[in-house]
Amino acid sequence: MAFQCQRDCYMKVFVTSVVSCCPAELKQEVNGKKETLKGFNVILQDTVLFPEGGGQPDDRGLIGEAPVLKVTRQGPDAVHFVTSPVEVGQEVRVKVDWERRFDHMQQHSGQHLITALADSMFGYKTTSWDLGRHRSTIELDTPSVKAAQLQELEEAVNEKIRAHIPVNVQLLSLNDPAVEKVRSRGLPEDHAGPIRVVDIEGIDANMCCGTHVKNLSHLQVIKLLGTEKGKKNKTNLIFLAGNRVLKYAEKSYSTERSLVSLLKTGPDEHVQAVDKLQKSFKLLQKTNLSLLRDTAVFIAQNFMNNPERGNFFSLHKKEGDNEFMNIIANEINTEEILVFLTVGEEKGPGLFLLAGPSGQVTELGPQILELLQGKGAGKNGRFQGKANSLAKREEVEALLRQHCKHHSSQEG
């Protein structure tokens, strides 16, 4: 069965009647969390909202005033998920989210065109494709695509767009001889009725259930962004079509103006300026690490040279890393002295190290982990790890001082 959205891809509003409305649930991800939404599955007499299929995502829109959050195909029916019920038998106005739909039409027809020309020009077959939220990908059955081929393909694709070539939809019966000439990756198992063929005049005829532009000129322009290595010796070709190219250009220009302001250079010098900054940063990082190591040695030696040093040493430093803490621990005689070191934000996350006599470290390590809400492990007189919060650092230090005092009195 062909839906109204397939018969007329440009229809934005459609009046039809409600066939059924049943309670249902929709599983979706919101801000990385999975949620189950309670609502209703609605089947209409016909629809202008496309259910997902052929690599194309589903439409969004309204049934009356109720937002449609998902459209799926179940056999010959399109099932619309809404959060409020609609009355069975009622006549309703269905409205498509046109911006989303037209974007999908441009990307999908663009994919057909690129696929057809990649095959006819270089013999590269399309094995799959993905219509992404920001960019789309065509998987080509070739280990690589040369830069010159990519440029030639882009020029050919845009030449066809400028040629104002019509795109027609035909419905063919399974036993029609014309079906043999049609490009296809197979029909769904539950397919019934005539076969829908999208025909780009003189370029490509392909079995497809998706929504398409009626003329290649409606694609406006196609930009091939480049290629990436795909799975199983294949290549992923990344592209943008139509309004996505305009949005990409707008975003790129905005980024360019921001970089001009930050780098104080023209766009042509941006790469050189960033390269220079990175080299300067790496040099400063190297110098900083060297100073940090020297500081660690100085701190440790200063403590060891203090005749009234005692048997406990504690230090917190905002800037530092595991190496900084280990250098201090290495310079101090931890067979006799208990050392507690932390680096990071005073009340936030950070790193910690406890070093000292093995027995004491093994006993105290888990207690420190609990207080700092951390994760870590220990062996050979060292216990170190990550702290989710250093807010109770003073509490840990008090615990260790008490332990050292008690240990000294026992030895005395």
Protein backbone atom coordinates (compact mmCIF):
# COMPACT_ATOMS: atom_id res chain seq x y z
CA MET A 1 0.00 0.00 0.00
CA ALA A 2 1.25 3.52 -0.85
CA PHE A 3 0.51 6.27 1.68
CA GLN A 4 -0.48 9.81 0.69
CA CYS A 5 3.03 10.96 1.68
CA GLN A 6 4.40 8.60 -1.00
CA ARG A 7 1.85 9.61 -3.64
CA ASP A 8 2.49 13.32 -3.08
CA CYS A 9 5.70 14.02 -1.17
CA TYR A 10 5.03 17.78 -1.24
CA MET A 11 1.65 17.65 0.52
CA LYS A 12 1.99 19.34 3.92
CA VAL A 13 -1.57 19.11 5.29
CA PHE A 14 -4.08 16.27 4.84
CA VAL A 15 -7.57 15.56 6.20
CA THR A 16 -8.37 11.92 7.00
CA SER A 17 -10.21 9.83 9.62
CA VAL A 18 -9.08 7.83 12.67
CA VAL A 19 -9.30 4.03 12.28
CA SER A 20 -7.99 3.00 15.72
CA CYS A 21 -6.45 4.46 18.88
CA CYS A 22 -4.89 2.09 21.43
CA PRO A 23 -2.86 2.67 24.62
CA ALA A 24 0.87 2.23 23.96
CA GLU A 25 4.36 3.01 25.22
CA LEU A 26 7.33 4.62 23.47
CA LYS A 27 10.89 4.00 24.58
CA GLN A 28 13.12 6.98 23.89
CA GLU A 29 16.42 8.49 24.98
CA VAL A 30 16.42 11.96 26.57
CA ASN A 31 19.80 13.52 27.45
CA GLY A 32 21.44 10.08 27.39
CA LYS A 33 18.80 8.52 29.68
CA LYS A 34 16.30 5.91 28.50
CA GLU A 35 12.69 6.79 29.25
CA THR A 36 9.36 5.07 28.63
CA LEU A 37 6.60 7.43 27.56
CA LYS A 38 2.93 6.44 27.93
CA GLY A 39 0.61 7.37 25.07
CA PHE A 40 -1.44 5.99 22.18
CA ASN A 41 -0.82 4.27 18.85
CA VAL A 42 -3.06 5.79 16.20
CA ILE A 43 -3.84 4.30 12.78
CA LEU A 44 -5.40 6.64 10.21
CA GLN A 45 -7.32 5.94 6.99
CA ASP A 46 -4.27 7.42 5.21
CA THR A 47 -1.40 9.70 6.18
CA VAL A 48 1.05 12.36 5.01
CA LEU A 49 3.48 11.34 7.79
CA PHE A 50 6.13 8.95 6.48
CA PRO A 51 6.94 5.89 8.63
CA GLU A 52 10.65 5.08 8.76
CA GLY A 53 11.93 2.88 5.93
CA GLY A 54 14.45 2.62 3.10
CA GLY A 55 17.15 4.19 5.27
CA GLN A 56 15.00 7.29 5.83
CA PRO A 57 13.90 8.34 9.36
CA ASP A 58 10.21 8.87 10.11
CA ASP A 59 8.38 12.19 9.94
CA ARG A 60 7.18 14.40 12.78
CA GLY A 61 4.01 16.44 12.75
CA LEU A 62 0.56 16.89 14.26
CA ILE A 63 -2.71 14.94 14.32
CA GLY A 64 -5.10 17.74 15.21
CA GLU A 65 -3.23 19.44 18.06
CA ALA A 66 -1.47 16.26 19.21
CA PRO A 67 2.27 16.10 18.39
CA VAL A 68 3.32 12.87 16.64
CA LEU A 69 6.52 11.59 18.29
CA LYS A 70 7.06 8.44 16.20
CA VAL A 71 5.70 6.86 13.01
CA THR A 72 6.36 3.19 12.24
CA ARG A 73 5.09 0.81 9.56
CA GLN A 74 3.26 -2.33 10.64
CA GLY A 75 2.31 -4.32 7.54
CA PRO A 76 0.10 -2.08 5.39
CA ASP A 77 -0.46 0.47 8.19
CA ALA A 78 1.40 3.52 9.46
CA VAL A 79 1.25 3.67 13.28
CA HIS A 80 1.48 7.15 14.83
CA PHE A 81 2.48 7.55 18.50
CA VAL A 82 0.82 10.49 20.31
CA THR A 83 0.57 11.34 24.03
CA SER A 84 -3.16 12.22 23.99
CA PRO A 85 -5.99 10.08 22.58
CA VAL A 86 -8.00 10.82 19.43
CA GLU A 87 -11.57 9.64 18.83
CA VAL A 88 -12.06 6.66 16.48
CA GLY A 89 -14.07 7.66 13.40
CA GLN A 90 -13.26 11.34 13.92
CA GLU A 91 -12.07 13.41 10.97
CA VAL A 92 -8.63 14.88 11.73
CA ARG A 93 -6.21 17.33 10.14
CA VAL A 94 -2.71 15.86 9.78
CA LYS A 95 0.18 18.30 9.35
CA VAL A 96 3.77 17.35 8.54
CA ASP A 97 6.87 19.02 10.01
CA TRP A 98 7.90 20.33 6.59
CA GLU A 99 11.44 21.46 7.48
CA ARG A 100 12.34 17.95 8.69
CA ARG A 101 10.53 16.23 5.78
CA PHE A 102 12.07 18.37 3.02
CA ASP A 103 15.51 17.87 4.56
CA HIS A 104 14.99 14.09 4.43
CA MET A 105 13.77 14.36 0.81
CA GLN A 106 16.91 16.28 -0.19
CA GLN A 107 19.28 13.85 1.55
CA HIS A 108 17.47 10.74 0.22
CA SER A 109 17.25 11.90 -3.41
CA GLY A 110 20.83 13.13 -3.10
CA GLN A 111 21.89 9.64 -2.02
CA HIS A 112 20.16 8.05 -5.04
CA LEU A 113 21.97 10.46 -7.38
CA ILE A 114 25.42 9.98 -5.79
CA THR A 115 24.94 6.19 -5.68
CA ALA A 116 23.95 6.03 -9.36
CA LEU A 117 26.88 8.17 -10.57
CA ALA A 118 29.48 6.48 -8.30
CA ASP A 119 28.42 3.21 -9.94
CA SER A 120 28.27 4.41 -13.56
CA MET A 121 31.50 6.46 -13.36
CA PHE A 122 33.74 4.18 -11.25
CA GLY A 123 31.85 0.92 -10.72
CA TYR A 124 31.55 1.57 -6.96
CA LYS A 125 28.39 -0.13 -5.66
CA THR A 126 26.47 1.19 -2.66
CA THR A 127 26.04 -1.45 0.06
CA SER A 128 24.23 0.73 2.63
CA TRP A 129 23.64 4.34 3.65
CA ASP A 130 22.77 6.37 6.74
CA LEU A 131 20.74 9.58 6.86
CA GLY A 132 22.30 11.25 9.90
CA ARG A 133 21.05 14.25 11.86
CA HIS A 134 23.81 16.53 10.55
CA ARG A 135 25.48 14.63 7.72
CA SER A 136 24.80 11.48 5.73
CA THR A 137 27.00 8.55 4.78
CA ILE A 138 27.05 6.19 1.79
CA GLU A 139 28.95 2.92 2.19
CA LEU A 140 30.74 2.11 -1.09
CA ASP A 141 32.06 -1.35 -1.92
CA THR A 142 35.64 -0.24 -2.53
CA PRO A 143 38.72 -0.06 -0.25
CA SER A 144 39.35 3.60 -1.17
CA VAL A 145 38.25 6.55 -3.30
CA LYS A 146 40.93 8.84 -4.76
CA ALA A 147 40.70 12.59 -4.16
CA ALA A 148 40.49 13.23 -7.93
CA GLN A 149 37.57 10.76 -8.21
CA LEU A 150 35.76 12.49 -5.34
CA GLN A 151 36.12 15.86 -7.08
CA GLU A 152 34.99 14.41 -10.42
CA LEU A 153 31.97 12.80 -8.74
CA GLU A 154 30.98 16.03 -6.98
CA GLU A 155 31.20 18.00 -10.23
CA ALA A 156 29.08 15.40 -12.07
CA VAL A 157 26.43 15.31 -9.31
CA ASN A 158 26.01 19.10 -9.29
CA GLU A 159 25.95 19.21 -13.09
CA LYS A 160 22.92 16.87 -13.00
CA ILE A 161 21.25 19.14 -10.41
CA ARG A 162 21.74 22.16 -12.70
CA ALA A 163 20.31 20.15 -15.62
CA HIS A 164 16.84 20.29 -13.98
CA ILE A 165 16.22 16.52 -14.40
CA PRO A 166 12.76 15.23 -13.34
CA VAL A 167 12.35 12.56 -10.65
CA ASN A 168 9.28 10.35 -11.18
CA VAL A 169 7.61 7.67 -9.06
CA GLN A 170 6.24 4.56 -10.79
CA LEU A 171 4.22 1.69 -9.38
CA LEU A 172 5.07 -1.64 -11.07
CA SER A 173 3.66 -5.13 -10.58
CA LEU A 174 6.12 -7.86 -9.52
CA ASN A 175 5.89 -9.63 -12.90
CA ASP A 176 6.48 -6.45 -14.96
CA PRO A 177 9.58 -6.95 -17.20
CA ALA A 178 10.72 -3.41 -16.27
CA VAL A 179 11.38 -4.61 -12.70
CA GLU A 180 14.49 -6.52 -13.88
CA LYS A 181 16.16 -3.23 -14.89
CA VAL A 182 15.51 -1.63 -11.52
CA ARG A 183 18.29 -1.29 -8.92
CA SER A 184 17.31 -2.91 -5.63
CA ARG A 185 18.72 -4.34 -2.40
CA GLY A 186 15.62 -6.54 -1.94
CA LEU A 187 12.06 -6.11 -0.71
CA PRO A 188 10.87 -6.30 2.93
CA GLU A 189 9.53 -9.74 3.94
CA ASP A 190 6.04 -8.36 4.57
CA HIS A 191 5.85 -6.42 1.29
CA ALA A 192 2.50 -6.65 -0.51
CA GLY A 193 1.09 -5.00 -3.62
CA PRO A 194 2.86 -3.07 -6.40
CA ILE A 195 6.54 -2.15 -6.32
CA ARG A 196 7.38 1.55 -5.94
CA VAL A 197 10.20 2.70 -8.21
CA VAL A 198 11.90 6.11 -7.94
CA ASP A 199 13.17 7.05 -11.39
CA ILE A 200 15.70 9.85 -12.01
CA GLU A 201 15.21 10.27 -15.76
CA GLY A 202 18.08 8.75 -17.72
CA ILE A 203 20.22 8.25 -14.61
CA ASP A 204 18.74 5.75 -12.17
CA ALA A 205 15.69 3.61 -11.40
CA ASN A 206 15.56 2.24 -7.89
CA MET A 207 13.02 0.41 -5.70
CA CYS A 208 12.33 2.72 -2.78
CA CYS A 209 9.56 3.53 -0.30
CA GLY A 210 10.99 6.92 0.75
CA THR A 211 9.95 10.49 0.02
CA HIS A 212 11.84 12.29 -2.77
CA VAL A 213 12.10 15.62 -4.58
CA LYS A 214 10.26 15.78 -7.92
CA ASN A 215 13.16 17.43 -9.73
CA LEU A 216 16.93 17.31 -9.10
CA SER A 217 17.00 21.12 -9.10
CA HIS A 218 15.21 20.96 -5.72
CA LEU A 219 18.39 19.46 -4.26
CA GLN A 220 20.00 22.91 -4.76
CA VAL A 221 23.56 21.64 -4.29
CA ILE A 222 25.49 18.61 -2.99
CA LYS A 223 28.81 18.79 -1.14
CA LEU A 224 30.95 15.67 -0.76
CA LEU A 225 32.80 16.34 2.51
CA GLY A 226 35.23 13.42 2.15
CA THR A 227 35.66 9.74 2.89
CA GLU A 228 36.46 7.55 5.88
CA LYS A 229 37.63 3.96 6.09
CA GLY A 230 34.59 1.71 6.44
CA LYS A 231 34.17 -1.83 7.70
CA LYS A 232 35.17 -4.96 5.72
CA ASN A 233 37.33 -3.20 3.12
CA LYS A 234 34.69 -0.59 2.28
CA THR A 235 34.68 3.22 2.14
CA ASN A 236 32.22 5.63 3.76
CA LEU A 237 31.44 8.68 1.62
CA ILE A 238 30.17 11.65 3.68
CA PHE A 239 27.87 14.18 2.03
CA LEU A 240 25.47 17.09 2.56
CA ALA A 241 22.57 18.04 0.29
CA GLY A 242 20.43 21.15 -0.11
CA ASN A 243 19.76 23.31 2.96
CA ARG A 244 22.37 21.36 4.95
CA VAL A 245 25.07 22.81 2.68
CA LEU A 246 23.81 26.35 3.41
CA LYS A 247 23.72 25.67 7.17
CA TYR A 248 27.22 24.17 7.00
CA ALA A 249 28.51 27.26 5.16
CA GLU A 250 26.84 29.57 7.71
CA LYS A 251 28.32 27.63 10.65
CA SER A 252 31.76 27.50 9.02
CA TYR A 253 31.70 31.27 8.43
CA SER A 254 30.66 31.91 12.03
CA THR A 255 33.52 29.68 13.27
CA GLU A 256 35.92 31.48 10.91
CA ARG A 257 34.94 34.92 12.31
CA SER A 258 35.41 33.65 15.88
CA LEU A 259 38.87 32.32 15.00
CA VAL A 260 39.81 35.63 13.34
CA SER A 261 38.93 37.38 16.60
CA LEU A 262 40.78 34.84 18.79
CA LEU A 263 43.90 34.31 16.67
CA LYS A 264 44.19 37.89 15.36
CA THR A 265 44.98 36.57 11.88
CA GLY A 266 43.12 36.14 8.59
CA PRO A 267 41.42 32.81 7.68
CA ASP A 268 44.31 31.76 5.40
CA GLU A 269 46.73 31.87 8.35
CA HIS A 270 44.53 29.99 10.85
CA VAL A 271 46.17 26.55 10.45
CA GLN A 272 49.65 28.07 10.72
CA ALA A 273 48.62 30.13 13.78
CA VAL A 274 47.11 27.11 15.59
CA ASP A 275 50.18 25.00 14.74
CA LYS A 276 52.40 27.71 16.25
CA LEU A 277 50.20 27.87 19.37
CA GLN A 278 50.33 24.09 19.79
CA LYS A 279 54.13 24.06 19.56
CA SER A 280 54.34 26.88 22.11
CA PHE A 281 51.91 25.06 24.39
CA LYS A 282 53.90 21.80 24.19
CA LEU A 283 57.11 23.69 25.03
CA LEU A 284 55.43 25.40 28.00
CA GLN A 285 53.97 22.05 29.10
CA LYS A 286 57.44 20.49 28.97
CA THR A 287 58.92 23.39 30.95
CA ASN A 288 56.08 23.24 33.47
CA LEU A 289 56.57 19.48 33.97
CA SER A 290 60.27 20.03 34.54
CA LEU A 291 59.55 22.77 37.11
CA LEU A 292 56.94 20.57 38.77
CA ARG A 293 59.47 17.71 39.11
CA ASP A 294 62.07 20.09 40.54
CA THR A 295 59.45 21.44 42.95
CA ALA A 296 58.57 17.88 44.05
CA VAL A 297 62.22 17.07 44.79
CA PHE A 298 62.68 20.40 46.65
CA ILE A 299 59.52 19.82 48.78
CA ALA A 300 60.65 16.31 49.72
CA GLN A 301 64.25 17.28 50.51
CA ASN A 302 63.10 20.30 52.52
CA PHE A 303 60.99 17.97 54.67
CA MET A 304 63.75 15.39 55.07
CA ASN A 305 66.27 18.08 56.10
CA ASN A 306 63.97 19.34 58.86
CA PRO A 307 65.27 17.91 62.17
CA GLU A 308 61.76 18.22 63.69
CA ARG A 309 59.96 16.53 60.79
CA GLY A 310 58.19 13.72 62.68
CA ASN A 311 56.80 10.54 61.07
CA PHE A 312 53.99 12.06 58.96
CA PHE A 313 54.03 14.29 55.87
CA SER A 314 50.95 15.72 54.14
CA LEU A 315 50.63 18.03 51.12
CA HIS A 316 47.91 19.25 48.75
CA LYS A 317 48.69 21.02 45.49
CA LYS A 318 46.11 22.18 42.97
CA GLU A 319 48.47 21.66 40.02
CA GLY A 320 50.12 18.27 39.79
CA ASP A 321 49.77 14.67 38.68
CA ASN A 322 50.63 11.11 39.73
CA GLU A 323 54.27 11.62 38.72
CA PHE A 324 54.55 14.71 40.97
CA MET A 325 53.22 12.74 43.96
CA ASN A 326 55.40 9.70 43.27
CA ILE A 327 58.57 11.82 43.02
CA ILE A 328 57.88 13.23 46.50
CA ALA A 329 57.17 9.74 47.85
CA ASN A 330 60.38 8.41 46.28
CA GLU A 331 62.49 11.16 47.89
CA ILE A 332 61.07 10.52 51.35
CA ASN A 333 61.99 7.49 53.41
CA THR A 334 58.52 5.90 53.38
CA GLU A 335 59.72 2.84 55.32
CA GLU A 336 59.55 5.02 58.42
CA ILE A 337 57.36 7.99 57.37
CA LEU A 338 53.68 7.98 56.35
CA VAL A 339 53.07 10.28 53.35
CA PHE A 340 49.64 11.55 52.22
CA LEU A 341 49.51 13.59 49.00
CA THR A 342 46.64 15.01 46.94
CA VAL A 343 46.37 17.07 43.75
CA GLY A 344 43.30 18.74 42.20
CA GLU A 345 40.51 21.11 43.22
CA GLU A 346 40.31 21.58 47.00
CA LYS A 347 36.64 20.60 47.26
CA GLY A 348 36.34 18.83 43.90
CA PRO A 349 37.75 15.72 42.21
CA GLY A 350 41.45 14.89 42.23
CA LEU A 351 44.16 12.26 42.75
CA PHE A 352 45.62 10.91 45.98
CA LEU A 353 48.63 8.86 47.13
CA LEU A 354 49.30 7.22 50.48
CA ALA A 355 52.83 5.86 50.94
CA GLY A 356 54.52 4.42 53.99
CA PRO A 357 55.10 1.21 55.93
CA SER A 358 53.20 -1.57 54.11
CA GLY A 359 51.11 -2.68 57.07
CA GLN A 360 49.86 0.85 57.81
CA VAL A 361 49.13 1.61 54.16
CA THR A 362 47.16 -1.63 53.73
CA GLU A 363 45.12 -0.83 56.85
CA LEU A 364 44.47 2.85 56.09
CA GLY A 365 44.01 2.77 52.28
CA PRO A 366 40.38 1.55 52.22
CA GLN A 367 39.39 4.11 54.89
CA ILE A 368 40.80 6.94 52.75
CA LEU A 369 38.94 5.61 49.70
CA GLU A 370 35.66 5.77 51.59
CA LEU A 371 36.22 9.32 52.86
CA LEU A 372 37.29 10.65 49.44
CA GLN A 373 34.56 8.70 47.60
CA GLY A 374 37.29 7.33 45.42
CA LYS A 375 38.60 4.35 43.51
CA GLY A 376 42.08 2.95 43.89
CA ALA A 377 44.36 0.08 44.81
CA GLY A 378 47.62 -0.53 46.59
CA LYS A 379 50.73 -2.70 46.83
CA ASN A 380 54.30 -2.52 48.15
CA GLY A 381 53.58 0.31 50.57
CA ARG A 382 51.72 2.52 48.07
CA PHE A 383 47.97 3.12 47.80
CA GLN A 384 46.78 5.55 45.14
CA GLY A 385 43.77 6.39 43.01
CA LYS A 386 41.12 8.92 42.00
CA ALA A 387 39.03 10.90 44.47
CA ASN A 388 35.55 12.02 43.44
CA SER A 389 35.69 14.69 46.15
CA LEU A 390 38.58 16.10 48.19
CA ALA A 391 36.15 17.93 50.50
CA LYS A 392 37.02 15.59 53.42
CA ARG A 393 40.79 15.87 52.91
CA GLU A 394 41.27 17.51 56.34
CA GLU A 395 39.31 14.66 57.91
CA VAL A 396 41.65 12.13 56.25
CA GLU A 397 44.70 14.08 57.42
CA ALA A 398 43.37 14.14 61.02
CA LEU A 399 42.81 10.37 60.86
CA LEU A 400 46.37 9.76 59.62
CA ARG A 401 47.93 12.11 62.20
CA GLN A 402 46.04 10.32 64.97
CA HIS A 403 47.20 6.97 63.59
CA CYS A 404 50.87 8.11 63.48
CA LYS A 405 50.63 9.54 67.02
CA HIS A 406 49.14 6.30 68.31
CA HIS A 407 51.77 4.25 66.43
CA SER A 408 54.62 6.36 67.89
CA SER A 409 53.31 6.01 71.45
CA GLN A 410 53.13 2.22 71.02
CA GLU A 411 56.75 2.12 69.82
CA GLY A 412 57.78 4.40 72.66
